[in-house]
Amino acid sequence: MSCRINVEYREVTQEEIDAIVEDERIIPTWIPGTIIDLSGGGMRILSKVKEEKDSKLQVRFSFPHDISG
């Protein structure tokens, strides 16, 4: 689906992945961006930060209720 949706994301560290523990003391830094493609194979995010290939990201966004245009 070709789209433009505002998004915030952050890189998730391997330690966070391994722990799988919610820790309220960790305050993540979210990076603003725009989803420019969303499909079954993933999503493309446009931002001012270049992430490394295969980085693990946590994203948060609101999906529009009416996408009919």
Protein backbone atom coordinates (compact mmCIF):
# COMPACT_ATOMS: atom_id res chain seq x y z
CA MET A 1 0.00 0.00 0.00
CA SER A 2 1.46 3.32 -1.00
CA CYS A 3 0.86 5.76 1.83
CA ARG A 4 2.15 8.61 3.98
CA ILE A 5 1.62 8.03 7.70
CA ASN A 6 3.44 9.86 10.50
CA VAL A 7 5.42 7.45 12.66
CA GLU A 8 7.82 7.45 15.59
CA TYR A 9 10.41 4.71 15.91
CA ARG A 10 13.49 3.69 17.84
CA GLU A 11 16.15 1.06 17.51
CA VAL A 12 15.74 -1.79 19.98
CA THR A 13 18.96 -3.13 21.49
CA GLN A 14 19.79 -6.81 21.62
CA GLU A 15 19.73 -6.58 25.42
CA GLU A 16 16.11 -5.41 25.30
CA ILE A 17 15.20 -8.20 22.90
CA ASP A 18 16.91 -10.81 25.11
CA ALA A 19 15.34 -9.54 28.33
CA ILE A 20 11.75 -9.24 27.09
CA VAL A 21 11.04 -7.43 30.32
CA GLU A 22 9.05 -4.20 30.52
CA ASP A 23 11.14 -1.74 32.51
CA GLU A 24 9.43 1.56 33.35
CA ARG A 25 12.82 3.15 34.11
CA ILE A 26 13.82 3.02 30.44
CA ILE A 27 12.57 6.11 28.66
CA PRO A 28 13.12 5.56 24.95
CA THR A 29 14.04 8.31 22.54
CA TRP A 30 11.60 8.25 19.63
CA ILE A 31 12.67 9.43 16.17
CA PRO A 32 10.03 11.08 13.95
CA GLY A 33 9.54 9.83 10.42
CA THR A 34 7.00 9.02 7.72
CA ILE A 35 5.88 5.59 6.55
CA ILE A 36 6.02 5.72 2.75
CA ASP A 37 5.24 2.06 2.04
CA LEU A 38 3.40 -0.57 4.07
CA SER A 39 3.03 -4.16 2.88
CA GLY A 40 3.16 -7.76 3.98
CA GLY A 41 6.93 -7.64 3.49
CA GLY A 42 7.44 -4.75 5.90
CA MET A 43 7.46 -0.99 5.82
CA ARG A 44 9.65 1.77 4.44
CA ILE A 45 10.24 4.70 6.77
CA LEU A 46 11.63 8.03 5.65
CA SER A 47 13.49 9.99 8.35
CA LYS A 48 16.52 12.19 8.87
CA VAL A 49 18.38 9.29 10.52
CA LYS A 50 20.00 6.49 8.53
CA GLU A 51 19.63 3.17 10.33
CA GLU A 52 21.86 0.16 9.74
CA LYS A 53 20.47 -2.59 7.52
CA ASP A 54 18.62 -5.28 9.49
CA SER A 55 18.28 -3.08 12.60
CA LYS A 56 15.42 -4.08 14.87
CA LEU A 57 12.97 -1.20 15.27
CA GLN A 58 10.00 -0.54 17.49
CA VAL A 59 7.44 1.69 15.78
CA ARG A 60 4.31 3.48 16.92
CA PHE A 61 1.75 5.10 14.68
CA SER A 62 -1.99 5.56 14.26
CA PHE A 63 -3.44 3.77 11.28
CA PRO A 64 -6.06 5.93 9.53
CA HIS A 65 -9.59 4.54 9.88
CA ASP A 66 -10.69 5.64 6.41
CA ILE A 67 -8.08 4.79 3.80
CA SER A 68 -10.46 4.92 0.83
CA GLY A 69 -9.19 8.38 -0.06
